[in-house]
Amino acid sequence: MPLIGSVADDLTGATTTGVLLARSKARTAVFFNVDAAVKGEGTDELDAILISSNSRALPANEAYEKVKTAAEALKGMGVKYFQKRIDTTLRGGVGVEIDAILDVLPEGTVAVVVPAMPQSRRILVGGYSVIDGVALINTPVAQDVRTPVKENYIPRLLEGQTRRKVGLVTLDKVLAGDEAVEEAMKEVRTDGCEVIVVDAITIEDVETISKACISLGWDIVTVDPGPFTAKMAYFRDLIGNEEPNLPPKGDETGKTVLIAAGSATPVTKKQMEVLCEDKRHVRISVDPVALIDGGDAAVDEVFQAVHKAVDLLKSENQPRAILFETALHGELLNLDEEDAKRHYASGMSADRINAGLGTIISQVLEIAGKEKVAGLYTTGGDTMVNVCYQLGVECIEVVDYVIPQTDVGRLVGSAYAGMPVVGKGGLTGNDNTACDVVDRLFGEASRQ
């Protein structure tokens, strides 16, 4: 029976937490939705289950219902310890989703919010979020097309979203040790706070907070990107020490990595530019406007991309990697404006682009054959969801990461079961990360 259960607001977030648990010897699976988790076979043999609610960009009432339904499903599976997985940059309706999960759990349960992920240089100081040395509101996420973040002080951000009182335990208490954190949390709780934000800048800080929470003995929902949940599981003796799960060097003969780049961030753009400096890696640019328009225009654009790729896979000079991208060439589209021009519902343009990328990957695999493909690499949670949806996959067993927030897993179910997949958030990694991912996928393919 799974003891750890998490509701994440998108798929890449779920895999990020799942990988930390998997690297600590917990058998962990990530499900794309509630129905897939409820219907999944062998879930009683798992140690941890993570469900993506796909709720980050939804209106508050819809996000609430999605998260509440997922939490109820996990509770029905016998889960004892709960996480509300949040984005490291606090995108989406975090406060509303905290309310949803607390409303399912026993009265008196406290949400402890530790937004830090020191492994990725995401920290919290004085309640202020800092991303790789830059204030959150000065990072590209502040201009995110669908879920911009305009508030840097996290207690105030949450106060605008939750109906519960929010408190803060500052870094000076954390640096003073777990007993000081314990006393500070008691004071904040006595003041009526049910949501407690805690500063952290190092993994050692996260450990300190975890020890304090264990000593308190409260019913706690961990609200974090993953490290706090993993440390709490470790101190509860549910998992072991985190260790890498590295494959041998892979044979690259006759195989190609397929890449669907749905993220439009400068970070992703630079990574793909570096990747394509290697002439063995081929870029196929896809017109996003055609995908947004739909109909014959979209069908024709998908057809052209698919057949270019199939020809390459069957050629004597088979590429090491093929990159399909819609937002890394030409002028970056404002997708809200594209929705408005066509009288689409909000987010429909983005959905059509991601669905197009998913269709391309699916058709390439179907026509060329899965034996030609070493693995799949997607950037952006919505892109991964659409790729896997087109492949008939609703679950990923996670195994490791290339770097934190760049997660390695294997597809579960469908004709492509066992195929390696890497999902990466759009703001994660350095200039060489895409190259490292391609290398890793060849290694993973070798142990199929």
Protein backbone atom coordinates (compact mmCIF):
# COMPACT_ATOMS: atom_id res chain seq x y z
CA MET A 1 0.00 0.00 0.00
CA PRO A 2 1.41 3.43 -0.90
CA LEU A 3 2.18 5.54 2.16
CA ILE A 4 3.18 8.73 0.33
CA GLY A 5 0.75 10.54 -1.95
CA SER A 6 1.16 13.78 -3.85
CA VAL A 7 -1.00 16.07 -5.95
CA ALA A 8 1.07 18.14 -8.40
CA ASP A 9 -0.25 20.97 -10.54
CA ASP A 10 1.55 19.68 -13.63
CA LEU A 11 3.29 16.58 -14.86
CA THR A 12 6.90 17.76 -14.74
CA GLY A 13 6.32 18.88 -11.16
CA ALA A 14 5.06 15.43 -10.26
CA THR A 15 8.10 13.74 -11.80
CA THR A 16 10.47 16.12 -9.98
CA THR A 17 9.18 15.01 -6.59
CA GLY A 18 8.80 11.42 -7.73
CA VAL A 19 12.43 11.17 -8.79
CA LEU A 20 13.67 12.31 -5.38
CA LEU A 21 11.68 9.47 -3.81
CA ALA A 22 12.73 6.95 -6.47
CA ARG A 23 16.40 7.80 -5.95
CA SER A 24 15.80 6.99 -2.28
CA LYS A 25 14.62 3.45 -3.07
CA ALA A 26 10.88 4.10 -3.08
CA ARG A 27 9.02 2.49 -5.96
CA THR A 28 7.28 5.51 -7.41
CA ALA A 29 4.83 6.14 -10.24
CA VAL A 30 3.43 9.37 -11.66
CA PHE A 31 -0.11 9.33 -13.05
CA PHE A 32 -1.37 11.91 -15.52
CA ASN A 33 -4.81 12.21 -13.92
CA VAL A 34 -7.04 10.81 -11.19
CA ASP A 35 -8.78 8.23 -13.38
CA ALA A 36 -5.45 6.74 -14.47
CA ALA A 37 -4.36 6.41 -10.83
CA VAL A 38 -7.63 4.83 -9.71
CA LYS A 39 -7.61 2.35 -12.59
CA GLY A 40 -3.87 1.69 -12.48
CA GLU A 41 -2.73 -1.89 -11.96
CA GLY A 42 -0.30 -2.73 -9.18
CA THR A 43 -0.71 0.54 -7.30
CA ASP A 44 -0.87 -1.34 -4.02
CA GLU A 45 2.74 -2.43 -4.65
CA LEU A 46 3.99 1.17 -4.91
CA ASP A 47 5.57 3.16 -2.09
CA ALA A 48 4.56 6.52 -3.53
CA ILE A 49 1.89 7.72 -5.94
CA LEU A 50 1.90 11.14 -7.55
CA ILE A 51 -1.07 12.50 -9.48
CA SER A 52 -0.93 15.45 -11.83
CA SER A 53 -4.04 17.60 -11.51
CA ASN A 54 -3.01 19.69 -14.56
CA SER A 55 -4.46 22.63 -12.68
CA ARG A 56 -1.78 25.32 -12.73
CA ALA A 57 -3.45 27.52 -15.35
CA LEU A 58 -7.06 26.78 -14.37
CA PRO A 59 -9.49 29.23 -12.74
CA ALA A 60 -9.50 28.97 -8.94
CA ASN A 61 -12.77 27.00 -8.63
CA GLU A 62 -11.71 24.44 -11.24
CA ALA A 63 -8.24 24.04 -9.72
CA TYR A 64 -9.81 23.52 -6.28
CA GLU A 65 -12.07 20.72 -7.56
CA LYS A 66 -9.26 18.98 -9.45
CA VAL A 67 -6.95 18.94 -6.43
CA LYS A 68 -9.69 17.93 -4.00
CA THR A 69 -10.71 15.01 -6.22
CA ALA A 70 -7.10 13.83 -6.49
CA ALA A 71 -6.57 14.10 -2.73
CA GLU A 72 -9.74 12.12 -2.08
CA ALA A 73 -8.54 9.41 -4.46
CA LEU A 74 -5.17 9.17 -2.68
CA LYS A 75 -6.93 9.01 0.68
CA GLY A 76 -9.07 6.16 -0.66
CA MET A 77 -5.91 4.28 -1.67
CA GLY A 78 -4.72 4.33 1.94
CA VAL A 79 -2.11 7.07 1.65
CA LYS A 80 -0.96 8.29 5.06
CA TYR A 81 1.37 11.20 4.24
CA PHE A 82 0.35 13.88 1.76
CA GLN A 83 2.17 16.44 -0.35
CA LYS A 84 0.84 19.38 -2.35
CA ARG A 85 3.59 19.66 -4.90
CA ILE A 86 4.16 23.26 -6.00
CA ASP A 87 6.22 24.89 -8.70
CA THR A 88 9.57 26.29 -7.55
CA THR A 89 8.44 29.65 -8.91
CA LEU A 90 5.02 29.56 -7.20
CA ARG A 91 3.02 29.70 -10.42
CA GLY A 92 -0.67 28.87 -10.34
CA GLY A 93 -3.23 29.03 -7.54
CA VAL A 94 -1.05 27.59 -4.79
CA GLY A 95 -3.24 28.88 -1.94
CA VAL A 96 -6.45 27.56 -3.47
CA GLU A 97 -4.85 24.15 -3.99
CA ILE A 98 -3.63 24.09 -0.39
CA ASP A 99 -7.22 24.72 0.72
CA ALA A 100 -8.43 21.86 -1.48
CA ILE A 101 -6.09 19.28 0.02
CA LEU A 102 -6.58 20.49 3.63
CA ASP A 103 -10.37 20.27 3.21
CA VAL A 104 -10.00 16.53 2.54
CA LEU A 105 -7.77 15.80 5.54
CA PRO A 106 -8.57 15.72 9.27
CA GLU A 107 -9.35 18.99 11.03
CA GLY A 108 -6.20 20.50 12.52
CA THR A 109 -3.92 19.42 9.69
CA VAL A 110 -1.33 22.10 8.97
CA ALA A 111 0.20 23.01 5.60
CA VAL A 112 3.95 23.63 5.96
CA VAL A 113 5.20 25.48 2.89
CA VAL A 114 8.92 25.15 2.07
CA PRO A 115 9.29 26.47 -1.51
CA ALA A 116 13.06 25.99 -1.56
CA MET A 117 14.83 23.59 -3.91
CA PRO A 118 18.48 24.30 -3.12
CA GLN A 119 19.66 21.73 -5.67
CA SER A 120 18.29 24.06 -8.38
CA ARG A 121 19.26 27.30 -6.60
CA ARG A 122 15.67 28.07 -5.63
CA ILE A 123 15.63 29.52 -2.09
CA LEU A 124 13.44 31.52 0.30
CA VAL A 125 14.86 34.29 2.50
CA GLY A 126 12.68 36.48 4.73
CA GLY A 127 9.68 35.11 2.88
CA TYR A 128 11.08 36.31 -0.46
CA SER A 129 11.66 33.86 -3.30
CA VAL A 130 15.07 34.00 -5.02
CA ILE A 131 15.72 32.01 -8.22
CA ASP A 132 19.38 31.42 -9.10
CA GLY A 133 20.37 34.66 -7.37
CA VAL A 134 17.54 36.72 -8.93
CA ALA A 135 14.35 37.93 -7.23
CA LEU A 136 11.42 35.85 -8.49
CA ILE A 137 9.58 38.82 -10.02
CA ASN A 138 12.69 39.71 -12.04
CA THR A 139 12.94 36.26 -13.69
CA PRO A 140 11.24 35.27 -16.97
CA VAL A 141 8.50 33.53 -14.98
CA ALA A 142 7.10 36.95 -14.05
CA GLN A 143 6.10 37.27 -17.72
CA ASP A 144 4.95 33.66 -18.11
CA VAL A 145 2.27 33.59 -20.80
CA ARG A 146 -0.30 31.60 -18.83
CA THR A 147 0.65 31.89 -15.16
CA PRO A 148 2.74 35.01 -14.46
CA VAL A 149 3.89 35.65 -10.90
CA LYS A 150 3.86 39.30 -9.79
CA GLU A 151 4.36 38.92 -6.03
CA ASN A 152 7.78 38.12 -4.56
CA TYR A 153 6.78 37.93 -0.87
CA ILE A 154 5.34 34.44 -0.58
CA PRO A 155 3.18 34.89 2.56
CA ARG A 156 1.42 37.80 0.83
CA LEU A 157 1.06 35.80 -2.39
CA LEU A 158 -0.62 32.96 -0.47
CA GLU A 159 -2.82 35.32 1.56
CA GLY A 160 -4.35 36.45 -1.71
CA GLN A 161 -5.25 32.87 -2.64
CA THR A 162 -6.15 30.91 0.51
CA ARG A 163 -8.98 31.43 2.99
CA ARG A 164 -6.68 30.30 5.81
CA LYS A 165 -4.34 32.42 7.91
CA VAL A 166 -0.71 32.40 6.74
CA GLY A 167 2.36 32.63 8.99
CA LEU A 168 6.12 32.80 8.41
CA VAL A 169 9.13 31.22 10.15
CA THR A 170 12.19 33.19 9.14
CA LEU A 171 15.73 32.10 8.34
CA ASP A 172 17.20 33.19 11.69
CA LYS A 173 15.05 30.57 13.43
CA VAL A 174 16.05 27.90 10.91
CA LEU A 175 19.74 28.68 11.34
CA ALA A 176 19.31 28.39 15.11
CA GLY A 177 18.36 24.72 14.75
CA ASP A 178 15.36 22.42 14.83
CA GLU A 179 14.34 23.28 18.40
CA ALA A 180 14.15 26.97 17.48
CA VAL A 181 12.08 26.11 14.41
CA GLU A 182 9.79 23.95 16.54
CA GLU A 183 9.16 26.80 18.99
CA ALA A 184 8.62 29.32 16.18
CA MET A 185 6.11 27.03 14.49
CA LYS A 186 4.23 26.57 17.77
CA GLU A 187 3.99 30.35 18.16
CA VAL A 188 2.70 30.83 14.63
CA ARG A 189 0.20 27.99 15.06
CA THR A 190 -1.02 29.46 18.36
CA ASP A 191 -1.68 32.68 16.44
CA GLY A 192 -4.20 30.77 14.34
CA CYS A 193 -2.11 30.06 11.25
CA GLU A 194 -2.95 26.88 9.33
CA VAL A 195 -0.50 27.63 6.50
CA ILE A 196 3.10 28.14 7.66
CA VAL A 197 5.79 29.31 5.24
CA VAL A 198 9.39 28.52 6.26
CA ASP A 199 12.63 30.01 4.90
CA ALA A 200 15.42 27.74 3.60
CA ILE A 201 18.56 28.26 1.53
CA THR A 202 20.34 24.90 1.86
CA ILE A 203 19.41 21.22 1.99
CA GLU A 204 20.62 21.29 5.60
CA ASP A 205 17.98 23.94 6.31
CA VAL A 206 15.33 21.67 4.81
CA GLU A 207 16.55 18.85 7.07
CA THR A 208 16.32 21.15 10.09
CA ILE A 209 12.72 22.05 9.25
CA SER A 210 11.85 18.37 8.73
CA LYS A 211 13.26 17.36 12.12
CA ALA A 212 11.24 20.10 13.79
CA CYS A 213 8.06 18.94 12.08
CA ILE A 214 8.65 15.32 13.11
CA SER A 215 9.19 16.42 16.73
CA LEU A 216 5.97 18.43 16.72
CA GLY A 217 3.96 15.34 15.84
CA TRP A 218 1.37 17.37 13.95
CA ASP A 219 -0.66 16.15 11.00
CA ILE A 220 1.21 17.95 8.23
CA VAL A 221 0.77 18.39 4.49
CA THR A 222 4.15 19.15 2.94
CA VAL A 223 3.83 21.95 0.38
CA ASP A 224 7.03 22.14 -1.64
CA PRO A 225 8.83 21.30 -4.92
CA GLY A 226 10.10 17.98 -3.52
CA PRO A 227 13.10 18.23 -1.15
CA PHE A 228 11.02 18.86 1.99
CA THR A 229 8.71 15.94 1.19
CA ALA A 230 11.70 13.65 0.59
CA LYS A 231 13.41 14.68 3.85
CA MET A 232 10.19 14.19 5.81
CA ALA A 233 9.88 10.69 4.31
CA TYR A 234 13.50 9.95 5.24
CA PHE A 235 13.07 11.02 8.87
CA ARG A 236 9.87 8.98 9.06
CA ASP A 237 11.95 5.92 7.97
CA LEU A 238 9.89 5.49 4.82
CA ILE A 239 12.81 5.83 2.36
CA GLY A 240 16.59 5.45 2.35
CA ASN A 241 19.41 7.79 1.41
CA GLU A 242 19.19 9.40 -1.99
CA GLU A 243 21.54 7.83 -4.54
CA PRO A 244 21.87 8.13 -8.34
CA ASN A 245 20.63 5.31 -10.55
CA LEU A 246 23.01 5.59 -13.50
CA PRO A 247 22.88 3.39 -16.61
CA PRO A 248 25.91 2.11 -18.54
CA LYS A 249 27.10 4.04 -21.58
CA GLY A 250 24.58 3.36 -24.34
CA ASP A 251 24.99 2.03 -27.87
CA GLU A 252 23.94 4.79 -30.29
CA THR A 253 23.89 2.65 -33.42
CA GLY A 254 20.69 2.93 -35.42
CA LYS A 255 18.75 4.98 -32.89
CA THR A 256 17.61 8.58 -32.54
CA VAL A 257 16.32 10.70 -29.65
CA LEU A 258 13.09 12.54 -30.47
CA ILE A 259 12.73 15.96 -28.84
CA ALA A 260 9.50 17.96 -28.49
CA ALA A 261 10.37 21.48 -27.32
CA GLY A 262 7.20 23.13 -26.08
CA SER A 263 8.90 25.63 -23.80
CA ALA A 264 9.64 29.10 -25.18
CA THR A 265 11.95 30.32 -22.41
CA PRO A 266 15.35 31.85 -23.19
CA VAL A 267 16.91 29.01 -21.16
CA THR A 268 15.40 26.35 -23.42
CA LYS A 269 16.22 28.31 -26.57
CA LYS A 270 19.90 28.53 -25.64
CA GLN A 271 20.06 24.84 -24.70
CA MET A 272 18.65 23.81 -28.06
CA GLU A 273 20.98 26.15 -29.93
CA VAL A 274 23.95 24.48 -28.24
CA LEU A 275 22.49 21.04 -28.98
CA CYS A 276 22.15 21.86 -32.69
CA GLU A 277 25.74 23.02 -32.98
CA ASP A 278 26.45 19.29 -33.25
CA LYS A 279 25.68 18.43 -36.90
CA ARG A 280 24.40 15.00 -35.83
CA HIS A 281 21.40 16.78 -34.27
CA VAL A 282 18.73 18.05 -36.67
CA ARG A 283 16.13 20.76 -36.07
CA ILE A 284 12.67 20.59 -37.66
CA SER A 285 10.84 23.88 -37.14
CA VAL A 286 7.05 23.63 -37.00
CA ASP A 287 4.81 26.62 -37.74
CA PRO A 288 2.86 27.33 -34.53
CA VAL A 289 0.27 29.46 -36.35
CA ALA A 290 -0.73 26.50 -38.52
CA LEU A 291 -1.21 24.34 -35.43
CA ILE A 292 -3.22 27.08 -33.73
CA ASP A 293 -5.46 27.56 -36.79
CA GLY A 294 -6.23 23.85 -36.92
CA GLY A 295 -8.00 22.13 -39.80
CA ASP A 296 -6.12 21.48 -43.03
CA ALA A 297 -3.34 23.90 -42.10
CA ALA A 298 -2.49 21.91 -38.97
CA VAL A 299 -2.80 18.56 -40.75
CA ASP A 300 -0.44 19.70 -43.51
CA GLU A 301 2.12 21.09 -41.05
CA VAL A 302 2.12 17.87 -39.01
CA PHE A 303 2.39 15.78 -42.21
CA GLN A 304 5.42 17.73 -43.41
CA ALA A 305 7.23 17.49 -40.05
CA VAL A 306 6.51 13.78 -39.69
CA HIS A 307 7.72 12.85 -43.16
CA LYS A 308 10.87 14.94 -42.87
CA ALA A 309 11.67 13.04 -39.68
CA VAL A 310 10.81 9.62 -41.09
CA ASP A 311 13.02 10.24 -44.12
CA LEU A 312 15.87 11.17 -41.78
CA LEU A 313 15.36 8.08 -39.63
CA LYS A 314 15.47 5.84 -42.69
CA SER A 315 18.46 7.58 -44.27
CA GLU A 316 22.07 6.38 -44.23
CA ASN A 317 22.97 9.41 -42.09
CA GLN A 318 20.40 8.82 -39.37
CA PRO A 319 20.53 11.75 -36.92
CA ARG A 320 21.51 11.26 -33.31
CA ALA A 321 18.63 13.52 -32.29
CA ILE A 322 15.70 15.25 -34.03
CA LEU A 323 14.34 18.42 -32.45
CA PHE A 324 10.74 19.45 -33.17
CA GLU A 325 10.15 23.04 -32.05
CA THR A 326 7.50 25.71 -32.52
CA ALA A 327 8.80 28.62 -30.44
CA LEU A 328 12.56 28.65 -30.90
CA HIS A 329 12.55 30.27 -34.34
CA GLY A 330 11.00 33.48 -35.63
CA GLU A 331 9.04 35.95 -33.51
CA LEU A 332 7.65 34.65 -30.23
CA LEU A 333 3.86 34.59 -30.30
CA ASN A 334 1.70 36.13 -27.60
CA LEU A 335 -0.67 33.20 -27.11
CA ASP A 336 -3.26 35.29 -25.25
CA GLU A 337 -3.46 37.53 -28.32
CA GLU A 338 -3.72 34.50 -30.60
CA ASP A 339 -6.65 33.24 -28.48
CA ALA A 340 -8.35 36.63 -28.63
CA LYS A 341 -7.92 36.99 -32.41
CA ARG A 342 -9.66 33.66 -32.99
CA HIS A 343 -12.20 34.00 -30.17
CA TYR A 344 -10.73 30.90 -28.53
CA ALA A 345 -11.09 30.03 -24.87
CA SER A 346 -8.06 31.04 -22.81
CA GLY A 347 -5.17 28.64 -23.32
CA MET A 348 -6.56 27.00 -26.45
CA SER A 349 -3.71 28.19 -28.68
CA ALA A 350 -1.14 26.68 -26.32
CA ASP A 351 -3.15 23.46 -26.15
CA ARG A 352 -3.26 23.18 -29.94
CA ILE A 353 0.49 23.69 -30.25
CA ASN A 354 1.22 21.03 -27.66
CA ALA A 355 -1.29 18.64 -29.22
CA GLY A 356 0.43 19.16 -32.57
CA LEU A 357 3.82 18.27 -31.12
CA GLY A 358 2.31 15.20 -29.49
CA THR A 359 0.77 14.11 -32.78
CA ILE A 360 4.08 14.53 -34.60
CA ILE A 361 5.97 12.35 -32.10
CA SER A 362 3.24 9.70 -32.16
CA GLN A 363 3.12 9.48 -35.95
CA VAL A 364 6.89 9.35 -36.29
CA LEU A 365 7.02 6.42 -33.89
CA GLU A 366 4.15 4.66 -35.65
CA ILE A 367 5.61 5.03 -39.14
CA ALA A 368 9.33 4.62 -38.46
CA GLY A 369 8.99 2.07 -35.65
CA LYS A 370 9.93 2.33 -31.98
CA GLU A 371 13.12 0.32 -32.58
CA LYS A 372 14.51 3.41 -34.30
CA VAL A 373 14.05 5.60 -31.22
CA ALA A 374 16.34 5.66 -28.17
CA GLY A 375 13.96 7.75 -26.12
CA LEU A 376 11.84 10.89 -25.85
CA TYR A 377 12.79 14.31 -24.47
CA THR A 378 10.13 16.94 -23.79
CA THR A 379 10.40 20.46 -22.43
CA GLY A 380 7.35 21.85 -20.64
CA GLY A 381 4.78 19.89 -18.65
CA ASP A 382 1.92 20.41 -21.12
CA THR A 383 4.09 19.13 -23.95
CA MET A 384 4.91 15.93 -22.08
CA VAL A 385 1.24 15.38 -21.28
CA ASN A 386 0.25 15.74 -24.93
CA VAL A 387 3.06 13.52 -26.21
CA CYS A 388 2.16 10.77 -23.77
CA TYR A 389 -1.57 11.19 -24.43
CA GLN A 390 -1.00 10.63 -28.14
CA LEU A 391 0.99 7.49 -27.29
CA GLY A 392 -1.78 6.11 -25.07
CA VAL A 393 0.37 6.46 -21.94
CA GLU A 394 -1.09 7.63 -18.62
CA CYS A 395 1.67 6.70 -16.21
CA ILE A 396 5.45 7.06 -15.90
CA GLU A 397 7.63 5.09 -13.52
CA VAL A 398 10.33 7.53 -12.46
CA VAL A 399 13.88 6.34 -11.84
CA ASP A 400 16.39 9.21 -11.62
CA TYR A 401 17.28 12.69 -12.81
CA VAL A 402 19.92 14.09 -15.15
CA ILE A 403 20.01 17.21 -12.99
CA PRO A 404 17.33 18.24 -10.50
CA GLN A 405 14.08 19.07 -12.34
CA THR A 406 15.23 17.18 -15.44
CA ASP A 407 13.71 13.81 -14.73
CA VAL A 408 14.23 10.34 -16.18
CA GLY A 409 11.42 7.82 -16.35
CA ARG A 410 9.95 4.96 -18.35
CA LEU A 411 6.58 4.86 -20.05
CA VAL A 412 4.07 2.46 -18.51
CA GLY A 413 1.34 0.77 -20.54
CA SER A 414 0.61 0.96 -24.29
CA ALA A 415 2.80 -0.30 -27.12
CA TYR A 416 5.66 1.91 -25.92
CA ALA A 417 5.99 0.51 -22.41
CA GLY A 418 9.55 0.75 -21.14
CA MET A 419 10.63 3.53 -23.51
CA PRO A 420 12.86 6.06 -21.70
CA VAL A 421 11.55 9.60 -21.38
CA VAL A 422 13.04 12.77 -19.93
CA GLY A 423 10.89 15.74 -18.97
CA LYS A 424 12.37 19.15 -18.18
CA GLY A 425 10.91 22.41 -16.97
CA GLY A 426 11.50 25.39 -19.23
CA LEU A 427 13.68 27.34 -16.76
CA THR A 428 15.91 24.45 -15.69
CA GLY A 429 19.52 23.71 -16.53
CA ASN A 430 22.62 25.25 -18.08
CA ASP A 431 23.61 25.70 -21.72
CA ASN A 432 24.70 22.04 -22.08
CA THR A 433 21.69 20.41 -20.42
CA ALA A 434 20.01 19.34 -23.68
CA CYS A 435 23.22 17.62 -24.76
CA ASP A 436 23.43 15.85 -21.40
CA VAL A 437 19.82 14.68 -21.72
CA VAL A 438 20.43 13.16 -25.15
CA ASP A 439 23.52 11.35 -23.83
CA ARG A 440 21.51 10.03 -20.88
CA LEU A 441 18.68 8.72 -23.04
CA PHE A 442 21.08 6.56 -25.03
CA GLY A 443 22.29 5.11 -21.74
CA GLU A 444 18.74 4.44 -20.58
CA ALA A 445 17.90 2.77 -23.91
CA SER A 446 20.75 0.31 -23.36
CA ARG A 447 19.12 -1.17 -20.25
CA GLN A 448 15.73 -1.83 -21.82
